[in-house]
Amino acid sequence: MKQVITVTDRAAEHAKALIEKANDPEILGLRIGIKSKGCSGQSYHVEYAKTHKKFEDVVEHQGIKFYIDPAATMYLLGSKMDYVSDKLSSTFTFDNPNAKGQCGCGESFHF
């Protein structure tokens, strides 16, 4: 069975660093979802996961677990999560083949 998303090595390494820095033994991994936000309507949401919720898919890469919010699964199918960092910013990025468009600043998208 194909995973909902693929996670790059950079994204997994950064997720591991975030989890270690949080120093909270209850954190199981990161949860990925979508929220209504921004000028195009939708935005990716990443938070610490302390539970495995019912119906969540789990993608594991380099020993790090990424919990996929079931409400976001159909929107994230086939996506790739990466982490990019430069002199001015650093963020998780998503290459999502389901997105139909994106706002000019890149903060939100629509289906």
PDB file of N, CA and C in Angstrom:
ATOM      1  N   MET A   1       0.840  -1.194   0.000  1.00  0.00           N
ATOM      2  CA  MET A   1       0.000   0.000   0.000  1.00  0.00           C
ATOM      3  C   MET A   1       0.878   1.248   0.000  1.00  0.00           C
ATOM      4  N   LYS A   2       0.532   2.202  -0.840  1.00  0.00           N
ATOM      5  CA  LYS A   2       1.299   3.437  -0.946  1.00  0.00           C
ATOM      6  C   LYS A   2       1.029   4.335   0.269  1.00  0.00           C
ATOM      7  N   GLN A   3       2.082   4.987   0.757  1.00  0.00           N
ATOM      8  CA  GLN A   3       1.935   5.911   1.879  1.00  0.00           C
ATOM      9  C   GLN A   3       1.202   7.171   1.427  1.00  0.00           C
ATOM     10  N   VAL A   4       0.532   7.823   2.372  1.00  0.00           N
ATOM     11  CA  VAL A   4      -0.190   9.054   2.076  1.00  0.00           C
ATOM     12  C   VAL A   4       0.791  10.112   1.583  1.00  0.00           C
ATOM     13  N   ILE A   5       1.900  10.282   2.295  1.00  0.00           N
ATOM     14  CA  ILE A   5       2.930  11.236   1.896  1.00  0.00           C
ATOM     15  C   ILE A   5       4.294  10.566   1.985  1.00  0.00           C
ATOM     16  N   THR A   6       5.252  11.159   1.310  1.00  0.00           N
ATOM     17  CA  THR A   6       6.638  10.754   1.495  1.00  0.00           C
ATOM     18  C   THR A   6       7.332  11.882   2.248  1.00  0.00           C
ATOM     19  N   VAL A   7       8.322  11.508   3.021  1.00  0.00           N
ATOM     20  CA  VAL A   7       9.058  12.468   3.845  1.00  0.00           C
ATOM     21  C   VAL A   7      10.524  12.388   3.447  1.00  0.00           C
ATOM     22  N   THR A   8      11.137  13.540   3.198  1.00  0.00           N
ATOM     23  CA  THR A   8      12.549  13.553   2.828  1.00  0.00           C
ATOM     24  C   THR A   8      13.416  13.360   4.072  1.00  0.00           C
ATOM     25  N   ASP A   9      14.664  13.021   3.835  1.00  0.00           N
ATOM     26  CA  ASP A   9      15.617  12.880   4.942  1.00  0.00           C
ATOM     27  C   ASP A   9      15.738  14.184   5.730  1.00  0.00           C
ATOM     28  N   ARG A  10      15.796  15.324   5.017  1.00  0.00           N
ATOM     29  CA  ARG A  10      15.916  16.626   5.703  1.00  0.00           C
ATOM     30  C   ARG A  10      14.734  16.890   6.617  1.00  0.00           C
ATOM     31  N   ALA A  11      13.519  16.566   6.157  1.00  0.00           N
ATOM     32  CA  ALA A  11      12.323  16.780   6.973  1.00  0.00           C
ATOM     33  C   ALA A  11      12.353  15.887   8.207  1.00  0.00           C
ATOM     34  N   ALA A  12      12.753  14.637   8.037  1.00  0.00           N
ATOM     35  CA  ALA A  12      12.816  13.711   9.173  1.00  0.00           C
ATOM     36  C   ALA A  12      13.885  14.153  10.172  1.00  0.00           C
ATOM     37  N   GLU A  13      15.031  14.603   9.673  1.00  0.00           N
ATOM     38  CA  GLU A  13      16.097  15.063  10.569  1.00  0.00           C
ATOM     39  C   GLU A  13      15.665  16.290  11.360  1.00  0.00           C
ATOM     40  N   HIS A  14      14.965  17.220  10.693  1.00  0.00           N
ATOM     41  CA  HIS A  14      14.502  18.415  11.414  1.00  0.00           C
ATOM     42  C   HIS A  14      13.409  18.054  12.419  1.00  0.00           C
ATOM     43  N   ALA A  15      12.517  17.156  12.041  1.00  0.00           N
ATOM     44  CA  ALA A  15      11.471  16.711  12.967  1.00  0.00           C
ATOM     45  C   ALA A  15      12.105  16.079  14.205  1.00  0.00           C
ATOM     46  N   LYS A  16      13.122  15.256  13.999  1.00  0.00           N
ATOM     47  CA  LYS A  16      13.822  14.628  15.125  1.00  0.00           C
ATOM     48  C   LYS A  16      14.432  15.686  16.039  1.00  0.00           C
ATOM     49  N   ALA A  17      15.058  16.702  15.449  1.00  0.00           N
ATOM     50  CA  ALA A  17      15.666  17.779  16.247  1.00  0.00           C
ATOM     51  C   ALA A  17      14.600  18.538  17.036  1.00  0.00           C
ATOM     52  N   LEU A  18      13.451  18.805  16.425  1.00  0.00           N
ATOM     53  CA  LEU A  18      12.363  19.503  17.128  1.00  0.00           C
ATOM     54  C   LEU A  18      11.853  18.683  18.311  1.00  0.00           C
ATOM     55  N   ILE A  19      11.664  17.392  18.085  1.00  0.00           N
ATOM     56  CA  ILE A  19      11.154  16.515  19.140  1.00  0.00           C
ATOM     57  C   ILE A  19      12.154  16.422  20.287  1.00  0.00           C
ATOM     58  N   GLU A  20      13.432  16.280  19.952  1.00  0.00           N
ATOM     59  CA  GLU A  20      14.463  16.217  20.993  1.00  0.00           C
ATOM     60  C   GLU A  20      14.540  17.519  21.781  1.00  0.00           C
ATOM     61  N   LYS A  21      14.444  18.659  21.085  1.00  0.00           N
ATOM     62  CA  LYS A  21      14.509  19.965  21.747  1.00  0.00           C
ATOM     63  C   LYS A  21      13.310  20.184  22.682  1.00  0.00           C
ATOM     64  N   ALA A  22      12.154  19.664  22.298  1.00  0.00           N
ATOM     65  CA  ALA A  22      10.960  19.813  23.141  1.00  0.00           C
ATOM     66  C   ALA A  22      11.122  19.074  24.458  1.00  0.00           C
ATOM     67  N   ASN A  23      11.925  18.013  24.449  1.00  0.00           N
ATOM     68  CA  ASN A  23      12.232  17.260  25.673  1.00  0.00           C
ATOM     69  C   ASN A  23      10.971  16.874  26.450  1.00  0.00           C
ATOM     70  N   ASP A  24      10.004  16.319  25.731  1.00  0.00           N
ATOM     71  CA  ASP A  24       8.747  15.893  26.331  1.00  0.00           C
ATOM     72  C   ASP A  24       8.537  14.416  25.976  1.00  0.00           C
ATOM     73  N   PRO A  25       8.631  13.536  26.954  1.00  0.00           N
ATOM     74  CA  PRO A  25       8.518  12.101  26.664  1.00  0.00           C
ATOM     75  C   PRO A  25       7.154  11.679  26.126  1.00  0.00           C
ATOM     76  N   GLU A  26       6.142  12.533  26.217  1.00  0.00           N
ATOM     77  CA  GLU A  26       4.812  12.198  25.704  1.00  0.00           C
ATOM     78  C   GLU A  26       4.707  12.386  24.191  1.00  0.00           C
ATOM     79  N   ILE A  27       5.648  13.097  23.578  1.00  0.00           N
ATOM     80  CA  ILE A  27       5.591  13.349  22.138  1.00  0.00           C
ATOM     81  C   ILE A  27       5.944  12.080  21.379  1.00  0.00           C
ATOM     82  N   LEU A  28       5.011  11.643  20.535  1.00  0.00           N
ATOM     83  CA  LEU A  28       5.198  10.434  19.735  1.00  0.00           C
ATOM     84  C   LEU A  28       5.791  10.745  18.362  1.00  0.00           C
ATOM     85  N   GLY A  29       5.565  11.959  17.884  1.00  0.00           N
ATOM     86  CA  GLY A  29       6.007  12.361  16.553  1.00  0.00           C
ATOM     87  C   GLY A  29       5.362  13.685  16.194  1.00  0.00           C
ATOM     88  N   LEU A  30       5.184  13.910  14.899  1.00  0.00           N
ATOM     89  CA  LEU A  30       4.531  15.133  14.425  1.00  0.00           C
ATOM     90  C   LEU A  30       3.227  14.783  13.722  1.00  0.00           C
ATOM     91  N   ARG A  31       2.232  15.633  13.906  1.00  0.00           N
ATOM     92  CA  ARG A  31       0.945  15.469  13.229  1.00  0.00           C
ATOM     93  C   ARG A  31       0.877  16.486  12.088  1.00  0.00           C
ATOM     94  N   ILE A  32       0.426  16.022  10.928  1.00  0.00           N
ATOM     95  CA  ILE A  32       0.300  16.874   9.747  1.00  0.00           C
ATOM     96  C   ILE A  32      -1.165  16.981   9.383  1.00  0.00           C
ATOM     97  N   GLY A  33      -1.611  18.213   9.207  1.00  0.00           N
ATOM     98  CA  GLY A  33      -2.994  18.439   8.833  1.00  0.00           C
ATOM     99  C   GLY A  33      -3.119  19.667   7.963  1.00  0.00           C
ATOM    100  N   ILE A  34      -4.343  20.045   7.690  1.00  0.00           N
ATOM    101  CA  ILE A  34      -4.648  21.227   6.890  1.00  0.00           C
ATOM    102  C   ILE A  34      -5.670  22.045   7.647  1.00  0.00           C
ATOM    103  N   LYS A  35      -5.463  23.367   7.660  1.00  0.00           N
ATOM    104  CA  LYS A  35      -6.387  24.285   8.331  1.00  0.00           C
ATOM    105  C   LYS A  35      -6.856  25.342   7.338  1.00  0.00           C
ATOM    106  N   SER A  36      -8.034  25.872   7.582  1.00  0.00           N
ATOM    107  CA  SER A  36      -8.527  26.995   6.784  1.00  0.00           C
ATOM    108  C   SER A  36      -7.770  28.235   7.226  1.00  0.00           C
ATOM    109  N   LYS A  37      -7.020  28.828   6.283  1.00  0.00           N
ATOM    110  CA  LYS A  37      -6.179  29.969   6.637  1.00  0.00           C
ATOM    111  C   LYS A  37      -5.573  30.558   5.372  1.00  0.00           C
ATOM    112  N   GLY A  38      -5.253  31.816   5.411  1.00  0.00           N
ATOM    113  CA  GLY A  38      -4.516  32.445   4.323  1.00  0.00           C
ATOM    114  C   GLY A  38      -5.398  32.943   3.196  1.00  0.00           C
ATOM    115  N   CYS A  39      -4.768  33.632   2.253  1.00  0.00           N
ATOM    116  CA  CYS A  39      -5.525  34.252   1.163  1.00  0.00           C
ATOM    117  C   CYS A  39      -6.061  33.249   0.150  1.00  0.00           C
ATOM    118  N   SER A  40      -5.474  32.060   0.054  1.00  0.00           N
ATOM    119  CA  SER A  40      -5.992  31.054  -0.871  1.00  0.00           C
ATOM    120  C   SER A  40      -6.923  30.059  -0.193  1.00  0.00           C
ATOM    121  N   GLY A  41      -7.026  30.092   1.119  1.00  0.00           N
ATOM    122  CA  GLY A  41      -8.024  29.283   1.814  1.00  0.00           C
ATOM    123  C   GLY A  41      -7.529  28.149   2.681  1.00  0.00           C
ATOM    124  N   GLN A  42      -6.405  27.513   2.328  1.00  0.00           N
ATOM    125  CA  GLN A  42      -5.916  26.368   3.096  1.00  0.00           C
ATOM    126  C   GLN A  42      -4.430  26.548   3.410  1.00  0.00           C
ATOM    127  N   SER A  43      -4.016  25.944   4.514  1.00  0.00           N
ATOM    128  CA  SER A  43      -2.622  26.016   4.927  1.00  0.00           C
ATOM    129  C   SER A  43      -2.249  24.699   5.607  1.00  0.00           C
ATOM    130  N   TYR A  44      -1.000  24.290   5.445  1.00  0.00           N
ATOM    131  CA  TYR A  44      -0.531  23.078   6.126  1.00  0.00           C
ATOM    132  C   TYR A  44      -0.318  23.396   7.596  1.00  0.00           C
ATOM    133  N   HIS A  45      -0.604  22.415   8.440  1.00  0.00           N
ATOM    134  CA  HIS A  45      -0.468  22.593   9.881  1.00  0.00           C
ATOM    135  C   HIS A  45       0.341  21.412  10.422  1.00  0.00           C
ATOM    136  N   VAL A  46       1.436  21.727  11.114  1.00  0.00           N
ATOM    137  CA  VAL A  46       2.289  20.698  11.709  1.00  0.00           C
ATOM    138  C   VAL A  46       2.373  20.978  13.199  1.00  0.00           C
ATOM    139  N   GLU A  47       2.123  19.949  14.009  1.00  0.00           N
ATOM    140  CA  GLU A  47       2.167  20.098  15.458  1.00  0.00           C
ATOM    141  C   GLU A  47       2.710  18.815  16.082  1.00  0.00           C
ATOM    142  N   TYR A  48       3.064  18.900  17.357  1.00  0.00           N
ATOM    143  CA  TYR A  48       3.504  17.695  18.072  1.00  0.00           C
ATOM    144  C   TYR A  48       2.317  16.757  18.259  1.00  0.00           C
ATOM    145  N   ALA A  49       2.562  15.476  18.112  1.00  0.00           N
ATOM    146  CA  ALA A  49       1.530  14.465  18.342  1.00  0.00           C
ATOM    147  C   ALA A  49       1.849  13.729  19.632  1.00  0.00           C
ATOM    148  N   LYS A  50       0.916  13.777  20.568  1.00  0.00           N
ATOM    149  CA  LYS A  50       1.080  13.077  21.843  1.00  0.00           C
ATOM    150  C   LYS A  50       0.181  11.844  21.930  1.00  0.00           C
ATOM    151  N   THR A  51      -0.699  11.688  20.939  1.00  0.00           N
ATOM    152  CA  THR A  51      -1.579  10.523  20.875  1.00  0.00           C
ATOM    153  C   THR A  51      -1.675  10.066  19.427  1.00  0.00           C
ATOM    154  N   HIS A  52      -2.078   8.831  19.254  1.00  0.00           N
ATOM    155  CA  HIS A  52      -2.390   8.312  17.923  1.00  0.00           C
ATOM    156  C   HIS A  52      -3.903   8.282  17.848  1.00  0.00           C
ATOM    157  N   LYS A  53      -4.465   9.242  17.119  1.00  0.00           N
ATOM    158  CA  LYS A  53      -5.914   9.358  17.025  1.00  0.00           C
ATOM    159  C   LYS A  53      -6.505   8.299  16.094  1.00  0.00           C
ATOM    160  N   LYS A  54      -7.749   7.983  16.346  1.00  0.00           N
ATOM    161  CA  LYS A  54      -8.471   7.009  15.544  1.00  0.00           C
ATOM    162  C   LYS A  54      -8.463   7.422  14.065  1.00  0.00           C
ATOM    163  N   PHE A  55      -8.228   6.463  13.197  1.00  0.00           N
ATOM    164  CA  PHE A  55      -8.221   6.625  11.742  1.00  0.00           C
ATOM    165  C   PHE A  55      -7.002   7.368  11.184  1.00  0.00           C
ATOM    166  N   GLU A  56      -6.031   7.734  12.019  1.00  0.00           N
ATOM    167  CA  GLU A  56      -4.838   8.409  11.502  1.00  0.00           C
ATOM    168  C   GLU A  56      -3.911   7.414  10.815  1.00  0.00           C
ATOM    169  N   ASP A  57      -3.432   7.801   9.635  1.00  0.00           N
ATOM    170  CA  ASP A  57      -2.359   7.058   8.991  1.00  0.00           C
ATOM    171  C   ASP A  57      -1.058   7.491   9.651  1.00  0.00           C
ATOM    172  N   VAL A  58      -0.095   6.592   9.701  1.00  0.00           N
ATOM    173  CA  VAL A  58       1.209   6.914  10.266  1.00  0.00           C
ATOM    174  C   VAL A  58       2.270   6.613   9.209  1.00  0.00           C
ATOM    175  N   VAL A  59       3.076   7.607   8.923  1.00  0.00           N
ATOM    176  CA  VAL A  59       4.201   7.460   8.009  1.00  0.00           C
ATOM    177  C   VAL A  59       5.456   7.555   8.859  1.00  0.00           C
ATOM    178  N   GLU A  60       6.332   6.576   8.735  1.00  0.00           N
ATOM    179  CA  GLU A  60       7.557   6.590   9.533  1.00  0.00           C
ATOM    180  C   GLU A  60       8.762   6.694   8.602  1.00  0.00           C
ATOM    181  N   HIS A  61       9.661   7.605   8.941  1.00  0.00           N
ATOM    182  CA  HIS A  61      10.899   7.774   8.169  1.00  0.00           C
ATOM    183  C   HIS A  61      12.027   8.086   9.140  1.00  0.00           C
ATOM    184  N   GLN A  62      13.109   7.363   9.030  1.00  0.00           N
ATOM    185  CA  GLN A  62      14.274   7.508   9.912  1.00  0.00           C
ATOM    186  C   GLN A  62      13.885   7.404  11.388  1.00  0.00           C
ATOM    187  N   GLY A  63      12.908   6.566  11.695  1.00  0.00           N
ATOM    188  CA  GLY A  63      12.493   6.356  13.076  1.00  0.00           C
ATOM    189  C   GLY A  63      11.550   7.419  13.619  1.00  0.00           C
ATOM    190  N   ILE A  64      11.197   8.413  12.809  1.00  0.00           N
ATOM    191  CA  ILE A  64      10.288   9.475  13.241  1.00  0.00           C
ATOM    192  C   ILE A  64       8.908   9.183  12.668  1.00  0.00           C
ATOM    193  N   LYS A  65       7.890   9.310  13.505  1.00  0.00           N
ATOM    194  CA  LYS A  65       6.518   9.047  13.074  1.00  0.00           C
ATOM    195  C   LYS A  65       5.804  10.359  12.753  1.00  0.00           C
ATOM    196  N   PHE A  66       5.122  10.338  11.602  1.00  0.00           N
ATOM    197  CA  PHE A  66       4.321  11.462  11.150  1.00  0.00           C
ATOM    198  C   PHE A  66       2.883  10.983  11.087  1.00  0.00           C
ATOM    199  N   TYR A  67       2.034  11.572  11.910  1.00  0.00           N
ATOM    200  CA  TYR A  67       0.629  11.193  12.007  1.00  0.00           C
ATOM    201  C   TYR A  67      -0.171  12.098  11.071  1.00  0.00           C
ATOM    202  N   ILE A  68      -0.957  11.498  10.191  1.00  0.00           N
ATOM    203  CA  ILE A  68      -1.710  12.256   9.202  1.00  0.00           C
ATOM    204  C   ILE A  68      -3.147  12.412   9.677  1.00  0.00           C
ATOM    205  N   ASP A  69      -3.555  13.657   9.892  1.00  0.00           N
ATOM    206  CA  ASP A  69      -4.918  13.956  10.305  1.00  0.00           C
ATOM    207  C   ASP A  69      -5.866  13.343   9.266  1.00  0.00           C
ATOM    208  N   PRO A  70      -6.820  12.501   9.704  1.00  0.00           N
ATOM    209  CA  PRO A  70      -7.699  11.838   8.740  1.00  0.00           C
ATOM    210  C   PRO A  70      -8.495  12.805   7.870  1.00  0.00           C
ATOM    211  N   ALA A  71      -8.803  13.982   8.378  1.00  0.00           N
ATOM    212  CA  ALA A  71      -9.540  14.968   7.586  1.00  0.00           C
ATOM    213  C   ALA A  71      -8.676  15.534   6.453  1.00  0.00           C
ATOM    214  N   ALA A  72      -7.365  15.372   6.544  1.00  0.00           N
ATOM    215  CA  ALA A  72      -6.454  15.906   5.528  1.00  0.00           C
ATOM    216  C   ALA A  72      -5.966  14.846   4.556  1.00  0.00           C
ATOM    217  N   THR A  73      -6.219  13.584   4.840  1.00  0.00           N
ATOM    218  CA  THR A  73      -5.666  12.494   4.042  1.00  0.00           C
ATOM    219  C   THR A  73      -5.941  12.661   2.552  1.00  0.00           C
ATOM    220  N   MET A  74      -7.184  12.905   2.169  1.00  0.00           N
ATOM    221  CA  MET A  74      -7.506  12.980   0.738  1.00  0.00           C
ATOM    222  C   MET A  74      -6.822  14.160   0.058  1.00  0.00           C
ATOM    223  N   TYR A  75      -6.485  15.198   0.822  1.00  0.00           N
ATOM    224  CA  TYR A  75      -5.808  16.361   0.255  1.00  0.00           C
ATOM    225  C   TYR A  75      -4.294  16.162   0.161  1.00  0.00           C
ATOM    226  N   LEU A  76      -3.762  15.278   0.993  1.00  0.00           N
ATOM    227  CA  LEU A  76      -2.316  15.080   1.057  1.00  0.00           C
ATOM    228  C   LEU A  76      -1.815  13.899   0.225  1.00  0.00           C
ATOM    229  N   LEU A  77      -2.706  13.075  -0.304  1.00  0.00           N
ATOM    230  CA  LEU A  77      -2.300  11.891  -1.058  1.00  0.00           C
ATOM    231  C   LEU A  77      -1.287  12.251  -2.146  1.00  0.00           C
ATOM    232  N   GLY A  78      -0.152  11.564  -2.126  1.00  0.00           N
ATOM    233  CA  GLY A  78       0.884  11.777  -3.134  1.00  0.00           C
ATOM    234  C   GLY A  78       1.817  12.935  -2.859  1.00  0.00           C
ATOM    235  N   SER A  79       1.650  13.617  -1.722  1.00  0.00           N
ATOM    236  CA  SER A  79       2.489  14.775  -1.401  1.00  0.00           C
ATOM    237  C   SER A  79       3.857  14.358  -0.891  1.00  0.00           C
ATOM    238  N   LYS A  80       4.797  15.297  -0.988  1.00  0.00           N
ATOM    239  CA  LYS A  80       6.132  15.084  -0.444  1.00  0.00           C
ATOM    240  C   LYS A  80       6.433  16.215   0.541  1.00  0.00           C
ATOM    241  N   MET A  81       6.827  15.839   1.749  1.00  0.00           N
ATOM    242  CA  MET A  81       7.186  16.808   2.786  1.00  0.00           C
ATOM    243  C   MET A  81       8.699  16.945   2.823  1.00  0.00           C
ATOM    244  N   ASP A  82       9.173  18.186   2.793  1.00  0.00           N
ATOM    245  CA  ASP A  82      10.604  18.472   2.843  1.00  0.00           C
ATOM    246  C   ASP A  82      10.837  19.554   3.895  1.00  0.00           C
ATOM    247  N   TYR A  83      12.088  19.865   4.128  1.00  0.00           N
ATOM    248  CA  TYR A  83      12.454  20.952   5.024  1.00  0.00           C
ATOM    249  C   TYR A  83      13.509  21.774   4.315  1.00  0.00           C
ATOM    250  N   VAL A  84      13.280  23.083   4.215  1.00  0.00           N
ATOM    251  CA  VAL A  84      14.248  23.970   3.579  1.00  0.00           C
ATOM    252  C   VAL A  84      14.634  25.074   4.542  1.00  0.00           C
ATOM    253  N   SER A  85      15.888  25.479   4.446  1.00  0.00           N
ATOM    254  CA  SER A  85      16.414  26.528   5.316  1.00  0.00           C
ATOM    255  C   SER A  85      17.387  27.380   4.510  1.00  0.00           C
ATOM    256  N   ASP A  86      17.239  28.703   4.649  1.00  0.00           N
ATOM    257  CA  ASP A  86      18.197  29.616   4.029  1.00  0.00           C
ATOM    258  C   ASP A  86      18.498  30.740   5.012  1.00  0.00           C
ATOM    259  N   LYS A  87      19.118  31.795   4.556  1.00  0.00           N
ATOM    260  CA  LYS A  87      19.521  32.886   5.450  1.00  0.00           C
ATOM    261  C   LYS A  87      18.346  33.590   6.108  1.00  0.00           C
ATOM    262  N   LEU A  88      17.191  33.609   5.450  1.00  0.00           N
ATOM    263  CA  LEU A  88      16.061  34.381   5.953  1.00  0.00           C
ATOM    264  C   LEU A  88      14.942  33.562   6.582  1.00  0.00           C
ATOM    265  N   SER A  89      14.852  32.285   6.246  1.00  0.00           N
ATOM    266  CA  SER A  89      13.742  31.502   6.797  1.00  0.00           C
ATOM    267  C   SER A  89      14.063  30.015   6.777  1.00  0.00           C
ATOM    268  N   SER A  90      13.265  29.281   7.514  1.00  0.00           N
ATOM    269  CA  SER A  90      13.330  27.818   7.490  1.00  0.00           C
ATOM    270  C   SER A  90      11.924  27.297   7.747  1.00  0.00           C
ATOM    271  N   THR A  91      11.546  26.260   6.997  1.00  0.00           N
ATOM    272  CA  THR A  91      10.186  25.755   7.106  1.00  0.00           C
ATOM    273  C   THR A  91      10.054  24.366   6.489  1.00  0.00           C
ATOM    274  N   PHE A  92       9.018  23.658   6.937  1.00  0.00           N
ATOM    275  CA  PHE A  92       8.623  22.441   6.245  1.00  0.00           C
ATOM    276  C   PHE A  92       7.913  22.893   4.966  1.00  0.00           C
ATOM    277  N   THR A  93       8.157  22.201   3.871  1.00  0.00           N
ATOM    278  CA  THR A  93       7.472  22.501   2.622  1.00  0.00           C
ATOM    279  C   THR A  93       6.735  21.253   2.158  1.00  0.00           C
ATOM    280  N   PHE A  94       5.722  21.464   1.339  1.00  0.00           N
ATOM    281  CA  PHE A  94       4.929  20.358   0.816  1.00  0.00           C
ATOM    282  C   PHE A  94       4.787  20.510  -0.692  1.00  0.00           C
ATOM    283  N   ASP A  95       5.176  19.481  -1.413  1.00  0.00           N
ATOM    284  CA  ASP A  95       4.946  19.410  -2.849  1.00  0.00           C
ATOM    285  C   ASP A  95       3.698  18.561  -3.002  1.00  0.00           C
ATOM    286  N   ASN A  96       2.579  19.220  -3.282  1.00  0.00           N
ATOM    287  CA  ASN A  96       1.276  18.562  -3.262  1.00  0.00           C
ATOM    288  C   ASN A  96       0.665  18.569  -4.667  1.00  0.00           C
ATOM    289  N   PRO A  97       0.567  17.388  -5.294  1.00  0.00           N
ATOM    290  CA  PRO A  97      -0.004  17.332  -6.647  1.00  0.00           C
ATOM    291  C   PRO A  97      -1.505  17.632  -6.682  1.00  0.00           C
ATOM    292  N   ASN A  98      -2.166  17.674  -5.534  1.00  0.00           N
ATOM    293  CA  ASN A  98      -3.607  17.925  -5.472  1.00  0.00           C
ATOM    294  C   ASN A  98      -3.945  19.407  -5.424  1.00  0.00           C
ATOM    295  N   ALA A  99      -2.997  20.253  -5.053  1.00  0.00           N
ATOM    296  CA  ALA A  99      -3.247  21.693  -4.946  1.00  0.00           C
ATOM    297  C   ALA A  99      -3.442  22.271  -6.343  1.00  0.00           C
ATOM    298  N   LYS A 100      -4.463  23.077  -6.504  1.00  0.00           N
ATOM    299  CA  LYS A 100      -4.774  23.692  -7.804  1.00  0.00           C
ATOM    300  C   LYS A 100      -4.119  25.057  -7.956  1.00  0.00           C
ATOM    301  N   GLY A 101      -3.782  25.690  -6.854  1.00  0.00           N
ATOM    302  CA  GLY A 101      -3.165  27.011  -6.918  1.00  0.00           C
ATOM    303  C   GLY A 101      -2.652  27.416  -5.557  1.00  0.00           C
ATOM    304  N   GLN A 102      -1.865  28.472  -5.557  1.00  0.00           N
ATOM    305  CA  GLN A 102      -1.206  28.935  -4.335  1.00  0.00           C
ATOM    306  C   GLN A 102      -1.201  30.460  -4.344  1.00  0.00           C
ATOM    307  N   CYS A 103      -1.237  31.061  -3.159  1.00  0.00           N
ATOM    308  CA  CYS A 103      -1.172  32.509  -3.089  1.00  0.00           C
ATOM    309  C   CYS A 103       0.243  32.982  -3.440  1.00  0.00           C
ATOM    310  N   GLY A 104       0.396  34.249  -3.696  1.00  0.00           N
ATOM    311  CA  GLY A 104       1.681  34.802  -4.096  1.00  0.00           C
ATOM    312  C   GLY A 104       2.786  34.641  -3.078  1.00  0.00           C
ATOM    313  N   CYS A 105       2.453  34.673  -1.793  1.00  0.00           N
ATOM    314  CA  CYS A 105       3.487  34.561  -0.746  1.00  0.00           C
ATOM    315  C   CYS A 105       3.811  33.110  -0.433  1.00  0.00           C
ATOM    316  N   GLY A 106       3.022  32.163  -0.933  1.00  0.00           N
ATOM    317  CA  GLY A 106       3.292  30.754  -0.722  1.00  0.00           C
ATOM    318  C   GLY A 106       2.801  30.206   0.604  1.00  0.00           C
ATOM    319  N   GLU A 107       2.091  30.995   1.379  1.00  0.00           N
ATOM    320  CA  GLU A 107       1.618  30.557   2.692  1.00  0.00           C
ATOM    321  C   GLU A 107       0.354  29.715   2.640  1.00  0.00           C
ATOM    322  N   SER A 108      -0.418  29.841   1.575  1.00  0.00           N
ATOM    323  CA  SER A 108      -1.664  29.075   1.511  1.00  0.00           C
ATOM    324  C   SER A 108      -1.904  28.597   0.080  1.00  0.00           C
ATOM    325  N   PHE A 109      -2.897  27.717  -0.058  1.00  0.00           N
ATOM    326  CA  PHE A 109      -3.195  27.095  -1.341  1.00  0.00           C
ATOM    327  C   PHE A 109      -4.668  26.758  -1.404  1.00  0.00           C
ATOM    328  N   HIS A 110      -5.127  26.293  -2.566  1.00  0.00           N
ATOM    329  CA  HIS A 110      -6.521  25.835  -2.681  1.00  0.00           C
ATOM    330  C   HIS A 110      -6.579  24.582  -3.548  1.00  0.00           C
ATOM    331  N   PHE A 111      -7.688  23.858  -3.392  1.00  0.00           N
ATOM    332  CA  PHE A 111      -7.912  22.616  -4.140  1.00  0.00           C
ATOM    333  C   PHE A 111      -8.963  22.814  -5.188  1.00  0.00           C
TER     334      PHE A 111
END
